Amino acid sequence: MLTNLHIRDFAIIKESEIEFDNGMTTLTGETGAGKSILIDALSLLMGARADSKSVRHSCKRTEISASFNIDAFPDVRHWLEEQELDSEECLLRRVITADGRSKGYINGSPVPAQSLKALGSLLVDIHGQHEHQSLMQRNKQRQLLDDYANHSELLAQLKQAYDKWHSSQDTFEKLKQASADRDSRLGLLRYQVQELEQLAPVENEFDALEDKHKKISHSSSLLEGCNQVIDSIYENESNTAFSQLSHAANTLDDLSSYDKKLEAISELLNTASIETQEASNELRQYIDSIELDPEQQRSLEQRLDTYHEQARKHRVMPDKLPAVLESLQQELASLDDADTRLDSLQDEIKVAADNYKKLALKLTKSRKRNAKQLYELVTKGMQELGMQGGKFEIQLIDNDKNMFSSSGMEKIEFLVSANPGQPLQPLTKVASGGELSRISLAIQVSSFKKGQNKPALIFDEVDVGIGGGVAEVVGQQLRQLGQTNQVMCVTHLPQVAALGHHHFRVTKTTTKDSTHTALEALDGENRKQEIARMLGGVKITKQTLAHAEEMLTMASGKKTKPTPA
């Protein structure tokens, strides 16, 4: 369950820290006091999209953190272990800066918002006051039924089977289309492959050919230049680099008898003369390797021309031709083997389709079974919420038998009859907003009566449009949920607020320069005053206080004493 929520510089909240307990907690306050801001803060903590508007005016950043007791929730602990996060505790934190940047943390480790969202889905269910609007969508109706029936694992298996079938079917259709144009394509492919196979391009060959061609086409210049260098450094009869270095070394060697420091310099000159001689020898060997072969030069030029010609045809660089040949050979082999591949794919499609249908049938049976359970609960809830004679039903509409989808082979539609004698019709055609709000609440409350395990359930003014005795029934239903789940309810109804096990009041203080929202735990006289305010408005009379006290006493299960005349 949610044990602690800490908020700093969020919207109009400067700082607030709230300790939560088991059971049903109600949050009340004047309209505009900021009751739903707490829900917005939790939504951000659960990975909702953040922006700079979240940060309180003139502040640098917003910080929101919450801790959860997960002792009774092994699925949460398992998720934390899978993500290699500390699983002994569950602490979430989010920081949003004034420029809109956001950072998330789980147990002190930085995580992306997607991880906050994944963990948040296991920790908290938030039902907003406009929940009935999303219930108009068929996808939402299907999701609600599947959540009620705990179909997440079965749906994952079905999607995997669907993806396998769809991939094989897509490949089959593409290959079948290619086969229709195969004859003309085969002729072109065979011609292109034959040309390239005659060239037989090899990886890195083009660059080597260019280097070799450059050398052989400049062989005369290379021979002439290298011979000139040899003459100048060693073989000329006079004034070569070798002879000058040797003479200089000998001169310094003689002079070193007067100063030993010249010996090292003389040694350097001797080394230089030896290296000059070695350079001359290597140049002679290089000259011997140079071939003046016009025929080889023509052959190289022809091969390079062919490379360039094929590169233009295939619109690639010449060094990419080996890859082009390999790709064309693979396509040719694929088309040559198309009939065999088509037969193989048909077998794959049949196996994948059979596996999909098996899982889809299992899902359909479970949906039918759980749909009956859920619509009976919702129908009962509608009666309790003042819609006597109303009826709710969940219809499974078969798709086309040949139409697969990742969510199963049927559509889900919620049907309702709000009054006795009226026919069932789609939820989207229910005209009354008040009726729709009550039906939505009955669906939300009923969907948890199967014992779904969530640390915290939050209802944000889901009782809007409801009053009188029906409001008390709503409170009783939420209080009943609070026996097995932690329930938080933002409400404007005193009948609901009085039935909470715990009560917080949200207040807003406005000064000339700023606005602040604060949260206060209520009990005893303070709680009675708040219930009286909700009952009586601006002026609170003794009768109003007596009524508030009676409501709180009845909610606690105690007997009320007669009020003195």
Protein backbone atom coordinates (compact mmCIF):
# COMPACT_ATOMS: atom_id res chain seq x y z
CA MET A 1 0.00 0.00 0.00
CA LEU A 2 0.95 3.66 -0.32
CA THR A 3 2.49 4.66 3.00
CA ASN A 4 3.93 8.13 2.36
CA LEU A 5 3.65 10.88 -0.23
CA HIS A 6 5.97 13.90 -0.22
CA ILE A 7 5.41 16.85 -2.56
CA ARG A 8 7.56 19.97 -2.90
CA ASP A 9 6.95 23.00 -5.14
CA PHE A 10 4.28 21.30 -7.27
CA ALA A 11 1.54 23.49 -8.83
CA ILE A 12 0.32 25.53 -5.85
CA ILE A 13 1.70 23.19 -3.18
CA LYS A 14 4.83 24.52 -1.50
CA GLU A 15 5.52 21.40 0.55
CA SER A 16 3.32 18.64 1.86
CA GLU A 17 4.04 15.23 3.38
CA ILE A 18 1.20 12.78 3.96
CA GLU A 19 1.23 9.49 5.83
CA PHE A 20 -1.39 7.00 4.60
CA ASP A 21 -2.91 3.94 6.25
CA ASN A 22 -5.07 0.95 5.31
CA GLY A 23 -8.75 1.25 4.58
CA MET A 24 -10.64 4.08 2.90
CA THR A 25 -9.19 7.59 2.99
CA THR A 26 -11.30 10.55 1.88
CA LEU A 27 -9.97 13.92 0.71
CA THR A 28 -12.32 16.89 0.84
CA GLY A 29 -12.14 20.65 0.53
CA GLU A 30 -13.69 23.69 -1.09
CA THR A 31 -14.05 23.72 -4.86
CA GLY A 32 -10.74 24.90 -6.33
CA ALA A 33 -8.76 24.11 -3.18
CA GLY A 34 -6.60 21.65 -5.08
CA LYS A 35 -7.99 18.25 -4.08
CA SER A 36 -7.17 16.70 -7.44
CA ILE A 37 -3.64 18.15 -7.40
CA LEU A 38 -2.61 15.25 -5.16
CA ILE A 39 -3.89 12.82 -7.80
CA ASP A 40 -2.00 14.75 -10.48
CA ALA A 41 1.19 14.45 -8.39
CA LEU A 42 0.74 10.69 -8.07
CA SER A 43 0.06 10.44 -11.81
CA LEU A 44 3.39 12.16 -12.53
CA LEU A 45 5.10 9.78 -10.15
CA MET A 46 3.55 6.89 -12.08
CA GLY A 47 5.15 8.07 -15.34
CA ALA A 48 2.63 10.58 -16.72
CA ARG A 49 3.99 13.16 -19.15
CA ALA A 50 5.67 16.09 -17.38
CA ASP A 51 6.20 19.70 -18.39
CA SER A 52 7.38 22.94 -16.84
CA LYS A 53 3.81 23.89 -15.81
CA SER A 54 4.10 21.33 -13.00
CA VAL A 55 6.70 23.49 -11.24
CA ARG A 56 5.36 26.04 -8.74
CA HIS A 57 5.75 29.62 -9.91
CA SER A 58 9.23 31.10 -9.32
CA CYS A 59 10.69 27.73 -8.22
CA LYS A 60 13.52 25.83 -9.90
CA ARG A 61 12.04 22.36 -9.73
CA THR A 62 9.30 20.07 -8.45
CA GLU A 63 10.06 16.96 -6.38
CA ILE A 64 7.54 14.20 -5.75
CA SER A 65 8.30 10.97 -3.91
CA ALA A 66 6.25 8.10 -2.52
CA SER A 67 6.95 4.92 -0.59
CA PHE A 68 4.93 1.70 -0.79
CA ASN A 69 4.69 -1.32 1.48
CA ILE A 70 4.91 -4.27 -0.95
CA ASP A 71 5.04 -7.15 1.54
CA ALA A 72 1.75 -8.55 0.25
CA PHE A 73 2.47 -7.92 -3.44
CA PRO A 74 4.88 -10.52 -4.91
CA ASP A 75 4.30 -9.31 -8.49
CA VAL A 76 5.75 -5.90 -7.57
CA ARG A 77 8.74 -7.52 -5.87
CA HIS A 78 9.26 -9.79 -8.89
CA TRP A 79 9.23 -6.78 -11.26
CA LEU A 80 11.85 -4.99 -9.13
CA GLU A 81 14.05 -8.11 -9.13
CA GLU A 82 13.77 -8.44 -12.91
CA GLN A 83 14.91 -4.83 -13.30
CA GLU A 84 17.80 -5.46 -10.87
CA LEU A 85 16.44 -2.85 -8.46
CA ASP A 86 16.36 -3.28 -4.69
CA SER A 87 13.22 -5.34 -3.99
CA GLU A 88 13.16 -4.98 -0.20
CA GLU A 89 11.49 -1.57 -0.47
CA CYS A 90 9.62 0.44 -3.07
CA LEU A 91 10.46 4.13 -3.20
CA LEU A 92 9.60 6.23 -6.27
CA ARG A 93 10.87 9.76 -6.89
CA ARG A 94 10.50 12.20 -9.75
CA VAL A 95 12.15 15.57 -10.29
CA ILE A 96 10.87 18.06 -12.89
CA THR A 97 12.84 21.23 -13.60
CA ALA A 98 11.49 24.62 -14.60
CA ASP A 99 12.70 24.07 -18.19
CA GLY A 100 10.59 20.91 -18.47
CA ARG A 101 13.29 18.27 -18.02
CA SER A 102 12.39 15.24 -15.95
CA LYS A 103 14.30 12.58 -14.00
CA GLY A 104 12.84 9.46 -12.42
CA TYR A 105 14.20 7.21 -9.68
CA ILE A 106 13.19 3.84 -8.25
CA ASN A 107 14.85 2.91 -4.95
CA GLY A 108 17.46 5.59 -5.64
CA SER A 109 18.43 4.33 -9.10
CA PRO A 110 17.75 6.60 -12.11
CA VAL A 111 15.17 5.12 -14.53
CA PRO A 112 13.27 6.34 -17.63
CA ALA A 113 9.66 7.48 -17.34
CA GLN A 114 8.61 4.24 -19.05
CA SER A 115 9.91 2.27 -16.06
CA LEU A 116 7.94 4.49 -13.67
CA LYS A 117 4.86 3.82 -15.79
CA ALA A 118 5.42 0.05 -15.82
CA LEU A 119 5.89 -0.12 -12.05
CA GLY A 120 3.10 2.40 -11.45
CA SER A 121 0.62 0.14 -13.27
CA LEU A 122 1.33 -2.52 -10.62
CA LEU A 123 1.07 -0.10 -7.69
CA VAL A 124 -1.86 2.25 -8.29
CA ASP A 125 -5.16 2.30 -10.17
CA ILE A 126 -6.46 5.84 -10.69
CA HIS A 127 -10.12 6.28 -11.66
CA GLY A 128 -10.87 9.83 -12.71
CA GLN A 129 -14.13 11.76 -12.63
CA HIS A 130 -14.29 11.51 -16.42
CA GLU A 131 -13.72 7.75 -16.49
CA HIS A 132 -17.15 7.27 -18.09
CA GLN A 133 -15.89 9.11 -21.18
CA SER A 134 -13.14 6.57 -21.85
CA LEU A 135 -15.70 3.77 -21.28
CA MET A 136 -17.33 4.89 -24.53
CA GLN A 137 -14.37 3.43 -26.41
CA ARG A 138 -14.63 -0.23 -27.36
CA ASN A 139 -10.93 -0.77 -26.80
CA LYS A 140 -11.34 0.48 -23.22
CA GLN A 141 -14.30 -1.85 -22.73
CA ARG A 142 -12.27 -4.82 -23.95
CA GLN A 143 -9.32 -3.81 -21.75
CA LEU A 144 -11.54 -3.54 -18.68
CA LEU A 145 -12.96 -7.04 -19.22
CA ASP A 146 -9.49 -8.47 -19.83
CA ASP A 147 -8.12 -6.76 -16.72
CA TYR A 148 -10.99 -8.16 -14.68
CA ALA A 149 -10.28 -11.66 -16.04
CA ASN A 150 -6.48 -11.36 -15.51
CA HIS A 151 -5.79 -12.07 -19.19
CA SER A 152 -2.41 -10.32 -19.43
CA GLU A 153 -0.37 -13.52 -19.84
CA LEU A 154 -2.83 -15.11 -22.27
CA LEU A 155 -2.98 -11.90 -24.33
CA ALA A 156 0.84 -11.82 -24.51
CA GLN A 157 0.85 -15.40 -25.84
CA LEU A 158 -1.89 -14.54 -28.33
CA LYS A 159 -0.01 -11.49 -29.62
CA GLN A 160 3.13 -13.57 -30.11
CA ALA A 161 1.11 -16.15 -32.08
CA TYR A 162 -0.55 -13.39 -34.11
CA ASP A 163 2.81 -11.77 -34.94
CA LYS A 164 4.16 -15.14 -36.14
CA TRP A 165 1.10 -15.74 -38.34
CA HIS A 166 1.10 -12.17 -39.67
CA SER A 167 4.82 -12.28 -40.52
CA SER A 168 4.48 -15.56 -42.44
CA GLN A 169 1.34 -14.31 -44.21
CA ASP A 170 3.06 -11.06 -45.20
CA THR A 171 6.11 -12.90 -46.57
CA PHE A 172 3.81 -15.26 -48.51
CA GLU A 173 1.88 -12.38 -50.11
CA LYS A 174 5.07 -10.58 -51.13
CA LEU A 175 6.59 -13.74 -52.60
CA LYS A 176 3.34 -14.57 -54.37
CA GLN A 177 3.27 -11.10 -55.93
CA ALA A 178 6.91 -11.43 -56.90
CA SER A 179 6.17 -14.80 -58.49
CA ALA A 180 3.50 -13.21 -60.69
CA ASP A 181 6.19 -11.00 -62.24
CA ARG A 182 8.84 -13.67 -61.92
CA ASP A 183 9.45 -14.44 -65.61
CA SER A 184 10.34 -10.89 -66.60
CA ARG A 185 12.32 -10.37 -63.40
CA LEU A 186 14.17 -13.66 -63.84
CA GLY A 187 15.35 -12.68 -67.33
CA LEU A 188 16.77 -9.37 -66.10
CA LEU A 189 18.34 -10.96 -63.03
CA ARG A 190 20.06 -13.69 -65.02
CA TYR A 191 21.50 -11.13 -67.45
CA GLN A 192 22.74 -8.88 -64.61
CA VAL A 193 24.22 -11.78 -62.67
CA GLN A 194 25.93 -13.15 -65.79
CA GLU A 195 27.61 -9.79 -66.49
CA LEU A 196 28.80 -9.42 -62.92
CA GLU A 197 29.97 -13.04 -62.71
CA GLN A 198 32.08 -12.45 -65.81
CA LEU A 199 33.67 -9.50 -64.04
CA ALA A 200 33.89 -11.57 -60.83
CA PRO A 201 34.43 -8.58 -58.53
CA VAL A 202 36.30 -9.34 -55.32
CA GLU A 203 36.20 -7.44 -52.04
CA ASN A 204 38.90 -4.68 -51.96
CA GLU A 205 40.04 -5.58 -55.53
CA PHE A 206 39.01 -2.26 -57.08
CA ASP A 207 41.27 -0.20 -54.79
CA ALA A 208 44.18 -2.59 -55.45
CA LEU A 209 43.63 -2.33 -59.23
CA GLU A 210 43.68 1.45 -59.08
CA ASP A 211 46.95 1.41 -57.11
CA LYS A 212 48.56 -1.02 -59.54
CA HIS A 213 47.36 0.94 -62.56
CA LYS A 214 48.73 4.17 -61.14
CA LYS A 215 52.15 2.52 -60.68
CA ILE A 216 52.39 0.88 -64.10
CA SER A 217 51.14 3.96 -65.97
CA HIS A 218 53.90 6.05 -64.35
CA SER A 219 56.67 3.40 -64.57
CA SER A 220 58.89 5.53 -66.85
CA SER A 221 58.79 8.46 -64.42
CA LEU A 222 59.51 6.12 -61.52
CA LEU A 223 62.55 4.57 -63.26
CA GLU A 224 63.99 7.90 -64.28
CA GLY A 225 63.52 9.52 -60.90
CA CYS A 226 64.91 6.57 -58.90
CA ASN A 227 68.04 6.35 -61.12
CA GLN A 228 68.68 10.08 -60.60
CA VAL A 229 68.45 9.63 -56.83
CA ILE A 230 70.88 6.68 -56.87
CA ASP A 231 73.36 8.71 -58.92
CA SER A 232 73.15 11.67 -56.56
CA ILE A 233 73.54 9.70 -53.34
CA TYR A 234 75.96 6.90 -54.28
CA GLU A 235 76.93 5.98 -57.84
CA ASN A 236 78.07 9.27 -59.36
CA GLU A 237 81.83 9.38 -59.70
CA SER A 238 82.14 12.58 -57.69
CA ASN A 239 80.28 14.71 -55.20
CA THR A 240 77.73 12.10 -54.06
CA ALA A 241 75.99 12.28 -50.72
CA PHE A 242 77.80 9.08 -49.70
CA SER A 243 81.26 10.45 -50.55
CA GLN A 244 80.63 13.77 -48.80
CA LEU A 245 79.36 12.04 -45.64
CA SER A 246 82.34 9.69 -45.64
CA HIS A 247 84.78 12.56 -46.10
CA ALA A 248 83.13 14.56 -43.28
CA ALA A 249 83.22 11.56 -40.94
CA ASN A 250 86.93 10.99 -41.63
CA THR A 251 87.75 14.66 -41.03
CA LEU A 252 85.98 14.65 -37.64
CA ASP A 253 87.58 11.35 -36.76
CA ASP A 254 91.03 12.93 -37.25
CA LEU A 255 90.06 16.02 -35.26
CA SER A 256 88.68 13.96 -32.39
CA SER A 257 92.25 13.31 -31.27
CA TYR A 258 92.19 16.94 -30.13
CA ASP A 259 88.65 16.84 -28.64
CA LYS A 260 86.90 13.59 -27.75
CA LYS A 261 83.45 15.28 -28.06
CA LEU A 262 83.77 15.03 -31.87
CA GLU A 263 83.82 11.22 -31.76
CA ALA A 264 80.02 10.99 -31.25
CA ILE A 265 79.35 13.35 -34.17
CA SER A 266 81.77 11.41 -36.37
CA GLU A 267 79.87 8.22 -35.46
CA LEU A 268 76.59 9.82 -36.51
CA LEU A 269 78.04 10.74 -39.92
CA ASN A 270 79.39 7.19 -40.36
CA THR A 271 75.90 5.84 -39.61
CA ALA A 272 74.33 8.27 -42.11
CA SER A 273 76.77 7.17 -44.84
CA ILE A 274 75.94 3.49 -44.18
CA GLU A 275 72.19 4.20 -44.34
CA THR A 276 72.71 6.14 -47.58
CA GLN A 277 74.40 3.09 -49.06
CA GLU A 278 71.52 0.86 -47.86
CA ALA A 279 68.94 3.26 -49.37
CA SER A 280 70.82 3.04 -52.69
CA ASN A 281 70.69 -0.78 -52.58
CA GLU A 282 66.94 -0.80 -51.87
CA LEU A 283 66.32 1.64 -54.72
CA ARG A 284 68.15 -0.74 -57.11
CA GLN A 285 65.87 -3.59 -55.96
CA TYR A 286 62.80 -1.37 -56.44
CA ILE A 287 63.94 -0.46 -59.97
CA ASP A 288 64.29 -4.16 -60.79
CA SER A 289 60.61 -4.66 -59.78
CA ILE A 290 59.29 -1.98 -62.16
CA GLU A 291 57.92 -3.48 -65.37
CA LEU A 292 57.45 -1.55 -68.57
CA ASP A 293 54.56 -3.74 -69.79
CA PRO A 294 52.09 -1.95 -72.10
CA GLU A 295 50.00 -5.13 -72.44
CA GLN A 296 49.50 -5.43 -68.69
CA GLN A 297 48.62 -1.74 -68.53
CA ARG A 298 45.93 -2.20 -71.20
CA SER A 299 44.55 -5.22 -69.34
CA LEU A 300 44.32 -3.25 -66.10
CA GLU A 301 42.61 -0.34 -67.85
CA GLN A 302 40.05 -2.67 -69.44
CA ARG A 303 39.18 -4.24 -66.07
CA LEU A 304 38.87 -0.84 -64.41
CA ASP A 305 36.62 0.35 -67.26
CA THR A 306 34.40 -2.70 -66.76
CA TYR A 307 34.20 -1.96 -63.05
CA HIS A 308 33.11 1.62 -63.78
CA GLU A 309 30.60 0.53 -66.42
CA GLN A 310 28.89 -1.99 -64.09
CA ALA A 311 28.91 0.54 -61.25
CA ARG A 312 27.03 3.04 -63.44
CA LYS A 313 24.47 0.40 -64.41
CA HIS A 314 23.73 -0.51 -60.82
CA ARG A 315 24.11 3.05 -59.53
CA VAL A 316 26.70 2.22 -56.90
CA MET A 317 30.35 2.95 -56.26
CA PRO A 318 32.70 0.44 -58.00
CA ASP A 319 33.89 -1.03 -54.68
CA LYS A 320 30.25 -2.01 -53.85
CA LEU A 321 29.89 -4.38 -56.84
CA PRO A 322 30.79 -7.57 -54.87
CA ALA A 323 27.85 -6.86 -52.51
CA VAL A 324 25.54 -6.13 -55.47
CA LEU A 325 26.45 -9.46 -57.07
CA GLU A 326 25.78 -11.35 -53.84
CA SER A 327 22.38 -9.63 -53.42
CA LEU A 328 21.33 -10.37 -57.01
CA GLN A 329 22.45 -13.99 -56.71
CA GLN A 330 20.33 -14.38 -53.55
CA GLU A 331 17.27 -12.85 -55.23
CA LEU A 332 17.76 -15.07 -58.27
CA ALA A 333 18.03 -18.15 -56.06
CA SER A 334 14.93 -17.06 -54.15
CA LEU A 335 12.89 -16.65 -57.33
CA ASP A 336 14.20 -19.91 -58.75
CA ASP A 337 13.05 -21.55 -55.50
CA ALA A 338 9.82 -19.55 -55.24
CA ASP A 339 7.40 -22.44 -55.74
CA THR A 340 9.11 -24.53 -53.07
CA ARG A 341 9.24 -21.55 -50.70
CA LEU A 342 5.55 -20.78 -51.30
CA ASP A 343 4.58 -24.33 -50.36
CA SER A 344 6.77 -24.12 -47.25
CA LEU A 345 5.23 -20.79 -46.27
CA GLN A 346 1.71 -22.16 -46.65
CA ASP A 347 2.60 -24.89 -44.19
CA GLU A 348 4.06 -22.29 -41.79
CA ILE A 349 0.91 -20.15 -42.08
CA LYS A 350 -1.34 -23.12 -41.34
CA VAL A 351 0.65 -24.09 -38.23
CA ALA A 352 0.72 -20.46 -37.03
CA ALA A 353 -3.01 -20.02 -37.71
CA ASP A 354 -3.90 -23.21 -35.83
CA ASN A 355 -1.82 -22.07 -32.85
CA TYR A 356 -3.46 -18.63 -32.95
CA LYS A 357 -6.99 -20.08 -33.14
CA LYS A 358 -6.26 -22.40 -30.21
CA LEU A 359 -5.20 -19.46 -28.01
CA ALA A 360 -8.00 -17.21 -29.34
CA LEU A 361 -10.61 -19.87 -28.52
CA LYS A 362 -9.22 -20.18 -25.00
CA LEU A 363 -9.42 -16.39 -24.64
CA THR A 364 -12.99 -16.32 -25.99
CA LYS A 365 -14.18 -18.95 -23.51
CA SER A 366 -12.58 -17.10 -20.61
CA ARG A 367 -14.04 -13.78 -21.77
CA LYS A 368 -17.54 -15.26 -21.95
CA ARG A 369 -17.23 -16.75 -18.48
CA ASN A 370 -15.84 -13.58 -16.90
CA ALA A 371 -18.19 -11.30 -18.86
CA LYS A 372 -21.16 -13.05 -17.24
CA GLN A 373 -19.64 -12.64 -13.78
CA LEU A 374 -18.86 -8.98 -14.36
CA TYR A 375 -22.16 -7.92 -15.89
CA GLU A 376 -24.08 -9.60 -13.08
CA LEU A 377 -22.00 -7.65 -10.55
CA VAL A 378 -22.49 -4.39 -12.46
CA THR A 379 -26.25 -4.96 -12.78
CA LYS A 380 -26.44 -5.50 -9.01
CA GLY A 381 -24.35 -2.36 -8.49
CA MET A 382 -26.73 -0.35 -10.69
CA GLN A 383 -29.69 -1.39 -8.52
CA GLU A 384 -27.80 -0.29 -5.41
CA LEU A 385 -27.02 3.05 -7.05
CA GLY A 386 -30.67 3.90 -7.54
CA MET A 387 -31.18 2.47 -11.04
CA GLN A 388 -33.86 -0.06 -10.09
CA GLY A 389 -34.75 -2.30 -12.99
CA GLY A 390 -31.61 -1.28 -14.86
CA LYS A 391 -29.58 -3.97 -16.55
CA PHE A 392 -26.00 -4.29 -17.81
CA GLU A 393 -24.63 -6.83 -20.24
CA ILE A 394 -21.35 -7.49 -22.06
CA GLN A 395 -21.66 -8.68 -25.63
CA LEU A 396 -18.96 -10.56 -27.52
CA ILE A 397 -19.29 -9.92 -31.27
CA ASP A 398 -17.48 -12.39 -33.53
CA ASN A 399 -15.07 -10.96 -36.07
CA ASP A 400 -14.99 -12.27 -39.61
CA LYS A 401 -13.77 -15.87 -39.27
CA ASN A 402 -10.77 -15.09 -41.48
CA MET A 403 -9.91 -11.89 -39.62
CA PHE A 404 -7.28 -12.28 -36.95
CA SER A 405 -6.18 -9.54 -34.56
CA SER A 406 -3.64 -9.31 -31.75
CA SER A 407 -6.50 -8.86 -29.24
CA GLY A 408 -8.60 -11.88 -30.20
CA MET A 409 -11.35 -12.89 -32.59
CA GLU A 410 -14.21 -10.88 -31.11
CA LYS A 411 -15.15 -7.32 -30.33
CA ILE A 412 -16.37 -6.37 -26.86
CA GLU A 413 -19.34 -4.06 -26.40
CA PHE A 414 -21.02 -2.91 -23.18
CA LEU A 415 -24.84 -2.84 -23.37
CA VAL A 416 -27.12 -1.18 -20.85
CA SER A 417 -30.77 -0.63 -20.10
CA ALA A 418 -31.11 2.22 -17.60
CA ASN A 419 -34.83 1.72 -16.86
CA PRO A 420 -37.26 -1.24 -16.70
CA GLY A 421 -38.80 -2.17 -20.02
CA GLN A 422 -36.14 -0.42 -22.08
CA PRO A 423 -34.16 -2.60 -24.49
CA LEU A 424 -30.43 -3.11 -24.04
CA GLN A 425 -28.41 -0.73 -26.19
CA PRO A 426 -24.73 0.21 -26.53
CA LEU A 427 -23.31 2.24 -23.64
CA THR A 428 -22.45 4.97 -26.16
CA LYS A 429 -26.17 5.65 -26.65
CA VAL A 430 -26.97 6.26 -22.97
CA ALA A 431 -28.18 9.87 -23.01
CA SER A 432 -28.19 10.89 -19.35
CA GLY A 433 -24.86 12.04 -17.95
CA GLY A 434 -25.97 11.18 -14.41
CA GLU A 435 -26.96 7.65 -15.46
CA LEU A 436 -23.70 7.20 -17.32
CA SER A 437 -21.73 8.38 -14.28
CA ARG A 438 -23.50 5.87 -12.02
CA ILE A 439 -23.06 3.02 -14.51
CA SER A 440 -19.38 3.90 -14.78
CA LEU A 441 -19.02 3.84 -11.00
CA ALA A 442 -20.81 0.48 -10.78
CA ILE A 443 -18.40 -0.92 -13.41
CA GLN A 444 -15.34 0.45 -11.62
CA VAL A 445 -16.36 -0.84 -8.20
CA SER A 446 -17.57 -4.21 -9.52
CA SER A 447 -14.37 -4.84 -11.46
CA PHE A 448 -12.51 -5.05 -8.14
CA LYS A 449 -14.92 -7.41 -6.41
CA LYS A 450 -13.05 -10.35 -7.87
CA GLY A 451 -10.23 -9.68 -5.43
CA GLN A 452 -7.76 -8.05 -7.77
CA ASN A 453 -4.57 -7.25 -5.92
CA LYS A 454 -3.40 -3.62 -6.25
CA PRO A 455 -1.62 -1.70 -3.49
CA ALA A 456 -3.75 1.44 -3.95
CA LEU A 457 -7.07 2.33 -5.62
CA ILE A 458 -7.75 6.01 -6.16
CA PHE A 459 -11.13 7.49 -7.09
CA ASP A 460 -11.05 11.13 -8.16
CA GLU A 461 -14.58 12.59 -7.79
CA VAL A 462 -16.15 9.54 -9.46
CA ASP A 463 -19.32 10.37 -7.48
CA VAL A 464 -19.95 13.55 -9.49
CA GLY A 465 -23.62 13.87 -10.46
CA ILE A 466 -24.77 11.63 -7.59
CA GLY A 467 -26.56 12.69 -4.42
CA GLY A 468 -29.02 11.71 -1.70
CA GLY A 469 -29.31 8.10 -0.61
CA VAL A 470 -27.37 6.95 -3.68
CA ALA A 471 -24.35 8.91 -2.45
CA GLU A 472 -24.41 6.95 0.81
CA VAL A 473 -24.49 3.68 -1.16
CA VAL A 474 -21.46 4.87 -3.12
CA GLY A 475 -19.65 5.57 0.14
CA GLN A 476 -20.59 2.15 1.52
CA GLN A 477 -19.29 0.44 -1.62
CA LEU A 478 -16.00 2.31 -1.45
CA ARG A 479 -15.73 1.57 2.28
CA GLN A 480 -16.34 -2.11 1.53
CA LEU A 481 -13.53 -2.00 -1.02
CA GLY A 482 -11.39 -0.48 1.72
CA GLN A 483 -11.73 -3.68 3.76
CA THR A 484 -9.46 -5.52 1.30
CA ASN A 485 -7.73 -2.69 -0.62
CA GLN A 486 -6.27 0.67 0.21
CA VAL A 487 -8.80 3.15 -1.20
CA MET A 488 -8.40 6.90 -1.59
CA CYS A 489 -11.34 9.00 -2.68
CA VAL A 490 -11.49 12.67 -3.60
CA THR A 491 -15.12 13.63 -2.99
CA HIS A 492 -17.48 16.57 -2.58
CA LEU A 493 -20.24 14.47 -1.00
CA PRO A 494 -20.59 14.41 2.83
CA GLN A 495 -22.27 10.98 2.64
CA VAL A 496 -19.09 9.56 1.07
CA ALA A 497 -16.66 11.55 3.21
CA ALA A 498 -18.30 10.39 6.44
CA LEU A 499 -17.78 6.74 5.53
CA GLY A 500 -13.99 6.99 5.21
CA HIS A 501 -11.77 5.31 7.76
CA HIS A 502 -9.46 8.35 7.49
CA HIS A 503 -10.15 11.92 6.41
CA PHE A 504 -7.93 14.72 5.01
CA ARG A 505 -9.00 18.28 4.26
CA VAL A 506 -7.39 20.29 1.47
CA THR A 507 -7.29 24.04 2.02
CA LYS A 508 -6.11 26.90 -0.16
CA THR A 509 -4.63 30.11 1.23
CA THR A 510 -4.33 33.17 -1.00
CA THR A 511 -2.27 36.25 -0.21
CA LYS A 512 -1.46 39.28 -2.33
CA ASP A 513 1.59 37.63 -3.84
CA SER A 514 0.99 33.89 -3.64
CA THR A 515 -1.40 30.96 -3.38
CA HIS A 516 -0.71 27.84 -1.30
CA THR A 517 -2.51 24.53 -0.84
CA ALA A 518 -2.12 22.54 2.37
CA LEU A 519 -3.36 19.17 3.64
CA GLU A 520 -4.65 18.48 7.15
CA ALA A 521 -5.62 15.17 8.79
CA LEU A 522 -9.03 15.40 10.45
CA ASP A 523 -10.53 13.58 13.39
CA GLY A 524 -12.97 14.27 16.18
CA GLU A 525 -14.42 17.77 16.22
CA ASN A 526 -12.48 18.95 13.15
CA ARG A 527 -13.88 16.14 11.05
CA LYS A 528 -17.43 16.86 12.26
CA GLN A 529 -16.96 20.53 11.30
CA GLU A 530 -15.81 19.53 7.80
CA ILE A 531 -18.78 17.19 7.27
CA ALA A 532 -21.08 19.97 8.51
CA ARG A 533 -19.50 22.41 6.07
CA MET A 534 -20.15 19.97 3.22
CA LEU A 535 -23.77 19.57 4.39
CA GLY A 536 -24.63 23.17 5.20
CA GLY A 537 -22.43 25.43 3.16
CA VAL A 538 -21.44 28.84 4.51
CA LYS A 539 -23.65 28.94 7.64
CA ILE A 540 -23.33 25.92 9.92
CA THR A 541 -26.18 25.46 12.40
CA LYS A 542 -26.55 23.22 15.42
CA GLN A 543 -28.81 20.99 13.37
CA THR A 544 -26.15 20.72 10.69
CA LEU A 545 -23.53 19.75 13.26
CA ALA A 546 -25.91 17.22 14.79
CA HIS A 547 -26.52 15.73 11.35
CA ALA A 548 -22.78 15.54 10.70
CA GLU A 549 -22.20 13.84 14.05
CA GLU A 550 -24.96 11.35 13.30
CA MET A 551 -23.45 10.49 9.91
CA LEU A 552 -20.01 9.89 11.44
CA THR A 553 -21.47 7.81 14.27
CA MET A 554 -23.46 5.65 11.87
CA ALA A 555 -20.42 5.22 9.63
CA SER A 556 -18.40 3.95 12.57
CA GLY A 557 -21.10 1.39 13.38
CA LYS A 558 -22.06 2.92 16.72
CA LYS A 559 -25.66 3.46 17.79
CA THR A 560 -26.86 7.04 17.76
CA LYS A 561 -28.49 8.71 20.77
CA PRO A 562 -31.72 10.61 20.23
CA THR A 563 -31.12 14.33 19.81
CA PRO A 564 -32.72 16.30 22.71
CA ALA A 565 -35.82 18.26 21.72
